[in-house]
Amino acid sequence: MKSSVSSCPVPFEQQPLNEYQELKESWYFRWGTFAFPQYLRKLLWIWFWSWIIAGPIAAASFPIAKYPAQFALMGMAGATLFLSLVLLRLYLGWTYIRSRLFDATVFYEESGWYDGQLWEKPPEMLAQDRLVVTYQIQPILKRLTQTFGVLAIGLLAGSLAWKLL
């Protein structure tokens, strides 16, 4: 393994496993690696602060005193939309790293955008990268997908409640 890593022409910061480590340790993307209670707290925190934007917009459309239910439903939908965008960014970042690790070839740039190269991973490196995908990244993507499902069900329930008003 040591010899294939040392013969790797891909710059250190562009090697998929190093990109994964960097992503996993970044302030924002590590949210996907948190235990469920901490992950849920982060999402609720974002959703709560999203009300700063969604609340006034909902209040301008539906005055609280006259239409409290419509105000609440629109505010929740707006806050959920912002939360969905945050989750989409998380999902896209982890999906990018998954594809870099899973692919048998690595695209890299030697000195700039104009000189991109492809390098084929040795079998042992490919196996290691795919194990990381299977046991580290897939659970994160599964959790994010399930979160999108819960948000979609919440939005559907809100739209059904809207119809009943």
Protein backbone atom coordinates (compact mmCIF):
# COMPACT_ATOMS: atom_id res chain seq x y z
CA MET A 1 0.00 0.00 0.00
CA LYS A 2 2.81 2.39 0.85
CA SER A 3 4.41 2.03 -2.57
CA SER A 4 1.22 2.78 -4.51
CA VAL A 5 0.53 5.86 -2.39
CA SER A 6 4.06 7.16 -2.87
CA SER A 7 3.82 6.61 -6.64
CA CYS A 8 0.51 8.46 -6.78
CA PRO A 9 0.89 11.53 -9.02
CA VAL A 10 -2.24 13.19 -7.61
CA PRO A 11 -1.39 16.18 -5.37
CA PHE A 12 -1.98 15.43 -1.68
CA GLU A 13 -4.95 17.79 -1.29
CA GLN A 14 -6.67 16.34 -4.39
CA GLN A 15 -6.43 12.70 -3.33
CA PRO A 16 -9.97 11.46 -2.63
CA LEU A 17 -9.19 9.99 0.80
CA ASN A 18 -7.59 13.27 1.88
CA GLU A 19 -10.56 15.21 0.49
CA TYR A 20 -12.81 12.95 2.56
CA GLN A 21 -10.78 13.62 5.72
CA GLU A 22 -10.93 17.36 5.09
CA LEU A 23 -14.68 17.27 4.49
CA LYS A 24 -15.28 15.12 7.58
CA GLU A 25 -13.37 17.59 9.75
CA SER A 26 -14.87 20.78 8.29
CA TRP A 27 -17.20 22.79 10.49
CA TYR A 28 -20.23 22.47 8.25
CA PHE A 29 -19.94 19.05 6.63
CA ARG A 30 -19.17 17.20 9.82
CA TRP A 31 -22.80 17.76 10.83
CA GLY A 32 -23.61 14.67 8.79
CA THR A 33 -21.32 12.60 11.03
CA PHE A 34 -22.89 13.69 14.32
CA ALA A 35 -24.87 11.31 16.53
CA PHE A 36 -28.60 11.58 15.88
CA PRO A 37 -29.51 13.83 18.86
CA GLN A 38 -26.77 16.32 18.00
CA TYR A 39 -27.69 16.17 14.29
CA LEU A 40 -31.34 16.84 15.15
CA ARG A 41 -30.36 19.79 17.39
CA LYS A 42 -28.41 21.34 14.50
CA LEU A 43 -31.38 20.98 12.15
CA LEU A 44 -33.81 22.42 14.69
CA TRP A 45 -31.40 25.27 15.34
CA ILE A 46 -31.28 26.12 11.61
CA TRP A 47 -35.04 25.77 11.29
CA PHE A 48 -35.61 28.05 14.30
CA TRP A 49 -33.27 30.76 12.97
CA SER A 50 -34.83 30.47 9.52
CA TRP A 51 -37.93 31.98 11.05
CA ILE A 52 -36.08 35.32 11.13
CA ILE A 53 -36.50 35.41 7.35
CA ALA A 54 -39.66 33.33 6.93
CA GLY A 55 -41.64 34.91 9.77
CA PRO A 56 -41.77 38.50 8.48
CA ILE A 57 -42.54 37.30 4.95
CA ALA A 58 -45.38 35.13 6.24
CA ALA A 59 -46.63 37.99 8.46
CA ALA A 60 -46.67 40.37 5.48
CA SER A 61 -48.80 37.90 3.54
CA PHE A 62 -50.98 36.69 6.40
CA PRO A 63 -51.35 39.05 9.39
CA ILE A 64 -50.99 37.03 12.59
CA ALA A 65 -54.09 38.50 14.26
CA LYS A 66 -56.34 37.79 11.26
CA TYR A 67 -54.88 34.52 9.87
CA PRO A 68 -52.87 32.78 12.61
CA ALA A 69 -53.03 29.29 11.09
CA GLN A 70 -52.03 30.47 7.62
CA PHE A 71 -49.21 32.53 9.12
CA ALA A 72 -47.91 29.50 11.05
CA LEU A 73 -48.13 27.16 8.06
CA MET A 74 -46.41 29.60 5.69
CA GLY A 75 -43.73 30.43 8.25
CA MET A 76 -43.03 26.74 8.81
CA ALA A 77 -42.92 26.11 5.06
CA GLY A 78 -40.50 29.00 4.53
CA ALA A 79 -38.22 27.88 7.36
CA THR A 80 -38.35 24.33 6.00
CA LEU A 81 -37.37 25.57 2.55
CA PHE A 82 -34.26 27.24 3.97
CA LEU A 83 -33.43 24.10 5.97
CA SER A 84 -33.84 22.04 2.80
CA LEU A 85 -31.31 24.22 0.99
CA VAL A 86 -28.82 23.74 3.83
CA LEU A 87 -29.37 19.99 3.71
CA LEU A 88 -29.07 19.97 -0.07
CA ARG A 89 -25.62 21.56 0.21
CA LEU A 90 -24.62 18.89 2.73
CA TYR A 91 -25.94 16.16 0.47
CA LEU A 92 -24.15 17.47 -2.62
CA GLY A 93 -20.82 17.75 -0.79
CA TRP A 94 -20.99 14.20 0.53
CA THR A 95 -22.18 12.89 -2.87
CA TYR A 96 -19.19 14.52 -4.57
CA ILE A 97 -16.76 12.86 -2.16
CA ARG A 98 -18.57 9.53 -2.55
CA SER A 99 -18.09 9.66 -6.32
CA ARG A 100 -14.41 10.67 -6.00
CA LEU A 101 -13.78 7.71 -3.69
CA PHE A 102 -15.89 5.20 -5.61
CA ASP A 103 -14.55 5.95 -9.09
CA ALA A 104 -11.64 3.83 -10.33
CA THR A 105 -9.96 6.89 -11.86
CA VAL A 106 -9.09 10.20 -10.23
CA PHE A 107 -9.21 13.47 -12.11
CA TYR A 108 -6.68 15.98 -10.83
CA GLU A 109 -5.02 19.22 -11.83
CA GLU A 110 -1.26 19.48 -11.79
CA SER A 111 -0.86 23.25 -11.72
CA GLY A 112 -4.06 24.86 -12.99
CA TRP A 113 -7.40 24.38 -14.66
CA TYR A 114 -5.86 23.85 -18.08
CA ASP A 115 -3.78 20.74 -17.37
CA GLY A 116 -6.16 18.18 -15.90
CA GLN A 117 -5.05 14.54 -15.80
CA LEU A 118 -6.60 11.16 -15.03
CA TRP A 119 -4.94 8.59 -12.81
CA GLU A 120 -6.17 5.05 -12.33
CA LYS A 121 -6.22 3.87 -8.72
CA PRO A 122 -4.40 0.66 -7.88
CA PRO A 123 -6.76 -2.18 -6.83
CA GLU A 124 -5.85 -1.98 -3.11
CA MET A 125 -6.47 1.78 -3.00
CA LEU A 126 -9.75 1.37 -4.86
CA ALA A 127 -10.86 -1.32 -2.40
CA GLN A 128 -9.96 0.89 0.57
CA ASP A 129 -11.81 3.88 -0.90
CA ARG A 130 -14.89 1.81 -1.61
CA LEU A 131 -14.90 0.50 1.96
CA VAL A 132 -14.89 4.10 3.18
CA VAL A 133 -17.84 4.81 0.89
CA THR A 134 -19.77 1.78 2.11
CA TYR A 135 -19.20 2.16 5.85
CA GLN A 136 -18.65 5.89 6.34
CA ILE A 137 -20.34 7.90 3.59
CA GLN A 138 -23.39 5.81 2.66
CA PRO A 139 -24.85 6.04 6.21
CA ILE A 140 -24.51 9.84 6.07
CA LEU A 141 -26.24 10.00 2.70
CA LYS A 142 -28.95 7.63 3.92
CA ARG A 143 -29.61 9.88 6.94
CA LEU A 144 -29.77 12.97 4.72
CA THR A 145 -32.15 11.22 2.32
CA GLN A 146 -34.38 10.18 5.22
CA THR A 147 -34.33 13.75 6.51
CA PHE A 148 -35.49 14.98 3.10
CA GLY A 149 -38.29 12.43 3.27
CA VAL A 150 -39.41 13.65 6.69
CA LEU A 151 -39.36 17.25 5.47
CA ALA A 152 -41.38 16.28 2.39
CA ILE A 153 -43.96 14.52 4.57
CA GLY A 154 -44.10 17.62 6.80
CA LEU A 155 -44.67 19.88 3.80
CA LEU A 156 -47.34 17.52 2.48
CA ALA A 157 -49.08 17.52 5.87
CA GLY A 158 -48.89 21.31 5.92
CA SER A 159 -50.44 21.56 2.46
CA LEU A 160 -53.24 19.21 3.51
CA ALA A 161 -53.83 21.33 6.62
CA TRP A 162 -53.92 24.40 4.36
CA LYS A 163 -56.68 22.81 2.28
CA LEU A 164 -58.71 22.26 5.45
CA LEU A 165 -58.52 25.94 6.43
